[in-house]
N, C-alpha and C. Protein backbone atom coordinates (compact mmCIF):
# COMPACT_ATOMS: atom_id res chain seq x y z
N MET A 1 79.18 75.30 120.80
CA MET A 1 79.34 74.14 121.70
C MET A 1 80.89 73.81 121.53
N VAL A 2 81.33 73.60 120.33
CA VAL A 2 82.70 73.28 120.10
C VAL A 2 83.63 74.18 120.64
N MET A 3 83.36 75.54 120.49
CA MET A 3 84.21 76.55 120.93
C MET A 3 84.35 76.49 122.53
N ILE A 4 83.25 76.18 123.19
CA ILE A 4 83.19 76.17 124.59
C ILE A 4 84.19 75.09 125.03
N VAL A 5 84.03 73.88 124.42
CA VAL A 5 84.93 72.62 124.78
C VAL A 5 86.32 73.07 124.51
N TYR A 6 86.58 73.85 123.48
CA TYR A 6 87.93 74.15 123.11
C TYR A 6 88.55 75.07 124.15
N ILE A 7 87.78 75.92 124.62
CA ILE A 7 88.17 76.99 125.73
C ILE A 7 88.42 76.24 126.96
N LEU A 8 87.43 75.33 127.38
CA LEU A 8 87.72 74.54 128.55
C LEU A 8 88.92 73.75 128.50
N ILE A 9 89.34 73.01 127.35
CA ILE A 9 90.45 72.36 127.14
C ILE A 9 91.82 73.27 127.35
N LEU A 10 91.66 74.40 126.79
CA LEU A 10 92.91 75.38 126.84
C LEU A 10 93.10 75.79 128.37
N LYS A 11 91.95 76.02 129.06
CA LYS A 11 92.15 76.35 130.41
C LYS A 11 92.57 75.34 131.24
N ARG A 12 92.22 74.09 130.90
CA ARG A 12 92.83 72.94 131.59
C ARG A 12 94.19 72.71 131.47
N LYS A 13 94.65 72.88 130.21
CA LYS A 13 96.05 72.86 129.89
C LYS A 13 96.87 73.93 130.64
N GLU A 14 96.46 75.12 130.69
CA GLU A 14 97.09 76.16 131.32
C GLU A 14 97.25 75.78 132.80
N ALA A 15 96.08 75.27 133.43
CA ALA A 15 95.99 74.98 134.77
C ALA A 15 97.06 73.92 135.19
N MET A 16 97.15 73.03 134.26
CA MET A 16 98.12 71.77 134.38
C MET A 16 99.57 72.41 134.37
N LYS A 17 99.78 73.28 133.49
CA LYS A 17 101.06 73.91 133.37
C LYS A 17 101.50 74.57 134.74
N GLU A 18 100.47 75.25 135.35
CA GLU A 18 100.77 75.92 136.59
C GLU A 18 100.97 74.86 137.69
N VAL A 19 100.25 73.78 137.71
CA VAL A 19 100.41 72.69 138.71
C VAL A 19 101.85 72.10 138.56
N TRP A 20 102.36 71.81 137.37
CA TRP A 20 103.59 71.21 137.09
C TRP A 20 104.82 72.33 137.56
N LYS A 21 104.59 73.54 137.25
CA LYS A 21 105.41 74.58 137.66
C LYS A 21 105.56 74.63 139.23
N SER A 22 104.41 74.55 139.87
CA SER A 22 104.37 74.55 141.33
C SER A 22 105.09 73.41 141.88
N LEU A 23 104.84 72.23 141.35
CA LEU A 23 105.41 71.00 141.87
C LEU A 23 107.01 71.10 141.62
N PHE A 24 107.43 71.58 140.43
CA PHE A 24 108.79 71.65 140.08
C PHE A 24 109.58 72.62 141.13
N THR A 25 108.81 73.80 141.47
CA THR A 25 109.27 74.81 142.34
C THR A 25 109.50 74.13 143.68
N LEU A 26 108.51 73.55 144.19
CA LEU A 26 108.54 72.86 145.48
C LEU A 26 109.56 71.83 145.57
N LEU A 27 109.88 71.11 144.55
CA LEU A 27 110.82 70.06 144.46
C LEU A 27 112.23 70.66 144.57
N ALA A 28 112.39 71.87 143.76
CA ALA A 28 113.63 72.57 143.73
C ALA A 28 113.98 73.14 145.12
N PHE A 29 112.99 73.76 145.71
CA PHE A 29 113.32 74.43 147.12
C PHE A 29 113.57 73.30 148.23
N SER A 30 112.79 72.36 148.19
CA SER A 30 112.99 71.17 149.17
C SER A 30 114.35 70.55 148.93
N SER A 31 114.77 70.44 147.70
CA SER A 31 116.07 69.74 147.46
C SER A 31 117.15 70.70 148.07
N ALA A 32 117.07 72.04 147.65
CA ALA A 32 117.95 72.92 148.15
C ALA A 32 118.13 72.98 149.75
N PHE A 33 116.86 72.95 150.37
CA PHE A 33 116.86 72.92 151.77
C PHE A 33 117.55 71.67 152.32
N ILE A 34 117.33 70.46 151.83
CA ILE A 34 117.93 69.15 152.33
C ILE A 34 119.32 69.26 152.03
N LEU A 35 119.80 69.72 150.98
CA LEU A 35 121.31 69.86 150.50
C LEU A 35 121.95 70.91 151.59
N GLY A 36 121.27 71.88 151.79
CA GLY A 36 121.90 72.80 152.66
C GLY A 36 121.98 72.44 154.09
N PHE A 37 120.84 71.60 154.65
CA PHE A 37 120.85 71.17 155.86
C PHE A 37 121.98 70.13 156.00
N TYR A 38 122.13 69.21 155.07
CA TYR A 38 123.20 68.22 155.10
C TYR A 38 124.54 68.94 155.22
N LEU A 39 124.77 69.83 154.32
CA LEU A 39 126.17 70.38 154.41
C LEU A 39 126.44 71.16 155.53
N GLY A 40 125.34 71.81 156.15
CA GLY A 40 125.58 72.46 157.34
C GLY A 40 125.91 71.59 158.65
N GLN A 41 125.13 70.36 158.53
CA GLN A 41 125.40 69.48 159.56
C GLN A 41 126.85 68.95 159.52
N GLU A 42 127.34 68.67 158.39
CA GLU A 42 128.66 68.27 158.23
C GLU A 42 129.71 69.29 158.88
N LYS A 43 129.37 70.58 158.56
CA LYS A 43 130.23 71.62 159.07
C LYS A 43 130.22 71.67 160.52
N VAL A 44 129.06 71.49 161.12
CA VAL A 44 128.93 71.51 162.56
C VAL A 44 129.72 70.25 163.16
N LEU A 45 129.62 69.13 162.55
CA LEU A 45 130.28 68.01 163.07
C LEU A 45 131.75 68.13 163.00
N LYS A 46 132.23 68.71 161.97
CA LYS A 46 133.69 68.89 161.81
C LYS A 46 134.32 69.70 162.93
N LYS A 47 133.59 70.61 163.61
CA LYS A 47 133.99 71.51 164.63
C LYS A 47 134.14 70.71 165.97
N ILE A 48 133.27 69.53 166.18
CA ILE A 48 133.45 68.87 167.28
C ILE A 48 134.71 68.02 167.43
N PRO A 49 135.56 68.13 168.38
CA PRO A 49 136.87 67.33 168.55
C PRO A 49 136.47 65.85 168.75
N GLU A 50 137.23 65.05 168.24
CA GLU A 50 137.12 63.64 168.46
C GLU A 50 137.78 63.07 169.64
N PHE A 51 137.12 62.94 170.62
CA PHE A 51 137.76 62.46 171.86
C PHE A 51 138.15 60.99 171.92
N GLN A 52 137.54 60.15 171.02
CA GLN A 52 137.82 58.80 171.05
C GLN A 52 139.23 58.61 170.54
N GLU A 53 139.57 59.26 169.56
CA GLU A 53 140.95 59.06 169.11
C GLU A 53 142.10 59.59 170.12
N GLU A 54 141.84 60.58 170.89
CA GLU A 54 142.74 61.00 171.98
C GLU A 54 142.80 59.72 173.02
N LEU A 55 141.81 59.06 173.30
CA LEU A 55 141.96 58.03 174.28
C LEU A 55 142.68 56.86 173.81
N GLU A 56 142.47 56.59 172.41
CA GLU A 56 143.25 55.52 171.85
C GLU A 56 144.71 55.68 171.73
N THR A 57 145.18 56.93 171.77
CA THR A 57 146.61 57.18 171.61
C THR A 57 147.31 57.12 172.90
N LYS A 58 146.63 57.23 173.98
CA LYS A 58 147.29 57.25 175.43
C LYS A 58 147.55 55.93 175.94
């Protein structure tokens, strides 16, 4: 009986390790996506000329 409980506890610990690995991986990929999206958006916005400054100088 004790051996069965011990095996179940070990399996539960292994399962929790997998859950934490999965959550960490998901967090890493989502952070990379958000950072890439933000940097890409900045790059696109730099390409757009600023018309407001041209109107103010005239």
